């Protein structure tokens, strides 16, 4: 231990923890509901990799952020930003997941 584990948590740190927890909860709920569809796409209409499909979803969300910002619809904008954060995390997970699958550690 470096002594910082018991330091007071600042308001900003508490907000960071709450936002991270909300994104974690969203990703886990979607994974329970849809399974590993993001990491293991079925490939009926597309043979793109999971990472390529995530890039498309990220592009779509960025376009929506741009559009909702212009519309001033705060709720839609916040949900879209949270989805975008989730997709960015899933892109990192996809790279690690792919390595695990290749090694047979899945």
C-alpha atoms as a PDB file:
ATOM      1  CA  UNK A   1       0.000   0.000   0.000  1.00  0.00           C
ATOM      2  CA  UNK A   2       1.243   3.476  -0.806  1.00  0.00           C
ATOM      3  CA  UNK A   3      -0.852   5.242   1.842  1.00  0.00           C
ATOM      4  CA  UNK A   4      -3.293   6.834  -0.623  1.00  0.00           C
ATOM      5  CA  UNK A   5      -5.919   4.077  -0.386  1.00  0.00           C
ATOM      6  CA  UNK A   6      -7.532   5.716   2.643  1.00  0.00           C
ATOM      7  CA  UNK A   7      -7.329   9.327   1.471  1.00  0.00           C
ATOM      8  CA  UNK A   8     -10.530  11.328   1.217  1.00  0.00           C
ATOM      9  CA  UNK A   9     -12.297  11.035  -2.110  1.00  0.00           C
ATOM     10  CA  UNK A  10     -12.895  14.397  -3.729  1.00  0.00           C
ATOM     11  CA  UNK A  11     -16.217  15.360  -5.290  1.00  0.00           C
ATOM     12  CA  UNK A  12     -14.656  15.068  -8.741  1.00  0.00           C
ATOM     13  CA  UNK A  13     -13.325  11.591  -7.948  1.00  0.00           C
ATOM     14  CA  UNK A  14     -16.748  10.504  -6.693  1.00  0.00           C
ATOM     15  CA  UNK A  15     -18.318  11.731  -9.945  1.00  0.00           C
ATOM     16  CA  UNK A  16     -15.677   9.874 -11.985  1.00  0.00           C
ATOM     17  CA  UNK A  17     -16.404   6.680 -10.048  1.00  0.00           C
ATOM     18  CA  UNK A  18     -20.158   7.090 -10.547  1.00  0.00           C
ATOM     19  CA  UNK A  19     -19.806   7.632 -14.315  1.00  0.00           C
ATOM     20  CA  UNK A  20     -17.504   4.628 -14.679  1.00  0.00           C
ATOM     21  CA  UNK A  21     -19.921   2.494 -12.668  1.00  0.00           C
ATOM     22  CA  UNK A  22     -22.855   3.603 -14.863  1.00  0.00           C
ATOM     23  CA  UNK A  23     -21.005   2.651 -18.055  1.00  0.00           C
ATOM     24  CA  UNK A  24     -19.935  -0.679 -16.532  1.00  0.00           C
ATOM     25  CA  UNK A  25     -23.546  -1.406 -15.552  1.00  0.00           C
ATOM     26  CA  UNK A  26     -24.788  -0.523 -19.063  1.00  0.00           C
ATOM     27  CA  UNK A  27     -22.201  -2.759 -20.765  1.00  0.00           C
ATOM     28  CA  UNK A  28     -22.884  -5.702 -18.478  1.00  0.00           C
ATOM     29  CA  UNK A  29     -26.669  -5.347 -18.925  1.00  0.00           C
ATOM     30  CA  UNK A  30     -26.312  -5.266 -22.711  1.00  0.00           C
ATOM     31  CA  UNK A  31     -23.977  -8.276 -22.623  1.00  0.00           C
ATOM     32  CA  UNK A  32     -26.484 -10.229 -20.539  1.00  0.00           C
ATOM     33  CA  UNK A  33     -29.308  -9.249 -22.882  1.00  0.00           C
ATOM     34  CA  UNK A  34     -27.510  -9.747 -26.224  1.00  0.00           C
ATOM     35  CA  UNK A  35     -24.736 -12.165 -25.279  1.00  0.00           C
ATOM     36  CA  UNK A  36     -21.399 -11.624 -26.954  1.00  0.00           C
ATOM     37  CA  UNK A  37     -22.935 -10.266 -30.153  1.00  0.00           C
ATOM     38  CA  UNK A  38     -20.523  -7.319 -30.159  1.00  0.00           C
ATOM     39  CA  UNK A  39     -17.470  -9.545 -29.745  1.00  0.00           C
ATOM     40  CA  UNK A  40     -18.763 -12.499 -31.754  1.00  0.00           C
ATOM     41  CA  UNK A  41     -20.977 -11.165 -34.563  1.00  0.00           C
ATOM     42  CA  UNK A  42     -22.989 -13.822 -36.391  1.00  0.00           C
ATOM     43  CA  UNK A  43     -22.004 -12.516 -39.820  1.00  0.00           C
ATOM     44  CA  UNK A  44     -25.290 -13.024 -41.673  1.00  0.00           C
ATOM     45  CA  UNK A  45     -25.121  -9.807 -43.707  1.00  0.00           C
ATOM     46  CA  UNK A  46     -21.539  -8.769 -43.009  1.00  0.00           C
ATOM     47  CA  UNK A  47     -18.280 -10.580 -42.630  1.00  0.00           C
ATOM     48  CA  UNK A  48     -16.622  -7.573 -41.003  1.00  0.00           C
ATOM     49  CA  UNK A  49     -14.638  -8.226 -37.846  1.00  0.00           C
ATOM     50  CA  UNK A  50     -15.993  -7.255 -34.446  1.00  0.00           C
ATOM     51  CA  UNK A  51     -13.557  -4.340 -34.345  1.00  0.00           C
ATOM     52  CA  UNK A  52     -14.628  -3.114 -37.790  1.00  0.00           C
ATOM     53  CA  UNK A  53     -18.284  -3.313 -36.774  1.00  0.00           C
ATOM     54  CA  UNK A  54     -17.516  -1.381 -33.591  1.00  0.00           C
ATOM     55  CA  UNK A  55     -15.836   1.334 -35.667  1.00  0.00           C
ATOM     56  CA  UNK A  56     -19.035   1.694 -37.703  1.00  0.00           C
ATOM     57  CA  UNK A  57     -21.129   1.926 -34.527  1.00  0.00           C
ATOM     58  CA  UNK A  58     -18.730   4.553 -33.159  1.00  0.00           C
ATOM     59  CA  UNK A  59     -19.024   6.577 -36.373  1.00  0.00           C
ATOM     60  CA  UNK A  60     -22.828   6.374 -36.105  1.00  0.00           C
ATOM     61  CA  UNK A  61     -22.736   7.563 -32.488  1.00  0.00           C
ATOM     62  CA  UNK A  62     -20.397  10.440 -33.345  1.00  0.00           C
ATOM     63  CA  UNK A  63     -22.822  11.548 -36.038  1.00  0.00           C
ATOM     64  CA  UNK A  64     -25.669  11.332 -33.542  1.00  0.00           C
ATOM     65  CA  UNK A  65     -23.693  13.376 -30.979  1.00  0.00           C
ATOM     66  CA  UNK A  66     -23.183  16.022 -33.642  1.00  0.00           C
ATOM     67  CA  UNK A  67     -26.886  15.981 -34.568  1.00  0.00           C
ATOM     68  CA  UNK A  68     -28.307  15.938 -31.034  1.00  0.00           C
ATOM     69  CA  UNK A  69     -26.001  18.751 -29.972  1.00  0.00           C
ATOM     70  CA  UNK A  70     -27.593  20.885 -32.655  1.00  0.00           C
ATOM     71  CA  UNK A  71     -31.087  19.831 -31.533  1.00  0.00           C
ATOM     72  CA  UNK A  72     -30.338  20.618 -27.873  1.00  0.00           C
ATOM     73  CA  UNK A  73     -31.948  17.358 -26.770  1.00  0.00           C
ATOM     74  CA  UNK A  74     -29.966  16.803 -23.589  1.00  0.00           C
ATOM     75  CA  UNK A  75     -31.383  13.357 -22.717  1.00  0.00           C
ATOM     76  CA  UNK A  76     -30.691  11.867 -26.154  1.00  0.00           C
ATOM     77  CA  UNK A  77     -27.274  13.527 -26.222  1.00  0.00           C
ATOM     78  CA  UNK A  78     -26.304  12.112 -22.809  1.00  0.00           C
ATOM     79  CA  UNK A  79     -27.492   8.596 -23.716  1.00  0.00           C
ATOM     80  CA  UNK A  80     -25.608   8.764 -27.007  1.00  0.00           C
ATOM     81  CA  UNK A  81     -22.405   9.905 -25.306  1.00  0.00           C
ATOM     82  CA  UNK A  82     -22.722   7.068 -22.802  1.00  0.00           C
ATOM     83  CA  UNK A  83     -23.218   4.594 -25.676  1.00  0.00           C
ATOM     84  CA  UNK A  84     -20.157   6.052 -27.401  1.00  0.00           C
ATOM     85  CA  UNK A  85     -18.052   5.591 -24.268  1.00  0.00           C
ATOM     86  CA  UNK A  86     -19.323   2.017 -24.063  1.00  0.00           C
ATOM     87  CA  UNK A  87     -18.394   1.286 -27.683  1.00  0.00           C
ATOM     88  CA  UNK A  88     -14.904   2.717 -27.154  1.00  0.00           C
ATOM     89  CA  UNK A  89     -14.444   0.447 -24.157  1.00  0.00           C
ATOM     90  CA  UNK A  90     -15.776  -2.505 -26.144  1.00  0.00           C
ATOM     91  CA  UNK A  91     -13.243  -1.807 -28.890  1.00  0.00           C
ATOM     92  CA  UNK A  92     -10.475  -2.212 -26.306  1.00  0.00           C
ATOM     93  CA  UNK A  93     -12.184  -5.356 -24.981  1.00  0.00           C
ATOM     94  CA  UNK A  94     -12.545  -6.749 -28.523  1.00  0.00           C
ATOM     95  CA  UNK A  95      -8.785  -6.581 -29.088  1.00  0.00           C
ATOM     96  CA  UNK A  96      -8.117  -8.444 -25.848  1.00  0.00           C
ATOM     97  CA  UNK A  97     -10.958 -10.904 -26.485  1.00  0.00           C
ATOM     98  CA  UNK A  98      -9.561 -11.724 -29.933  1.00  0.00           C
ATOM     99  CA  UNK A  99      -6.151 -12.502 -28.412  1.00  0.00           C
ATOM    100  CA  UNK A 100      -7.782 -14.772 -25.822  1.00  0.00           C
ATOM    101  CA  UNK A 101      -9.749 -16.627 -28.495  1.00  0.00           C
ATOM    102  CA  UNK A 102      -6.603 -17.130 -30.570  1.00  0.00           C
ATOM    103  CA  UNK A 103      -4.810 -18.541 -27.529  1.00  0.00           C
ATOM    104  CA  UNK A 104      -7.790 -20.737 -26.635  1.00  0.00           C
ATOM    105  CA  UNK A 105      -8.216 -18.998 -23.276  1.00  0.00           C
ATOM    106  CA  UNK A 106     -11.788 -17.921 -23.876  1.00  0.00           C
END
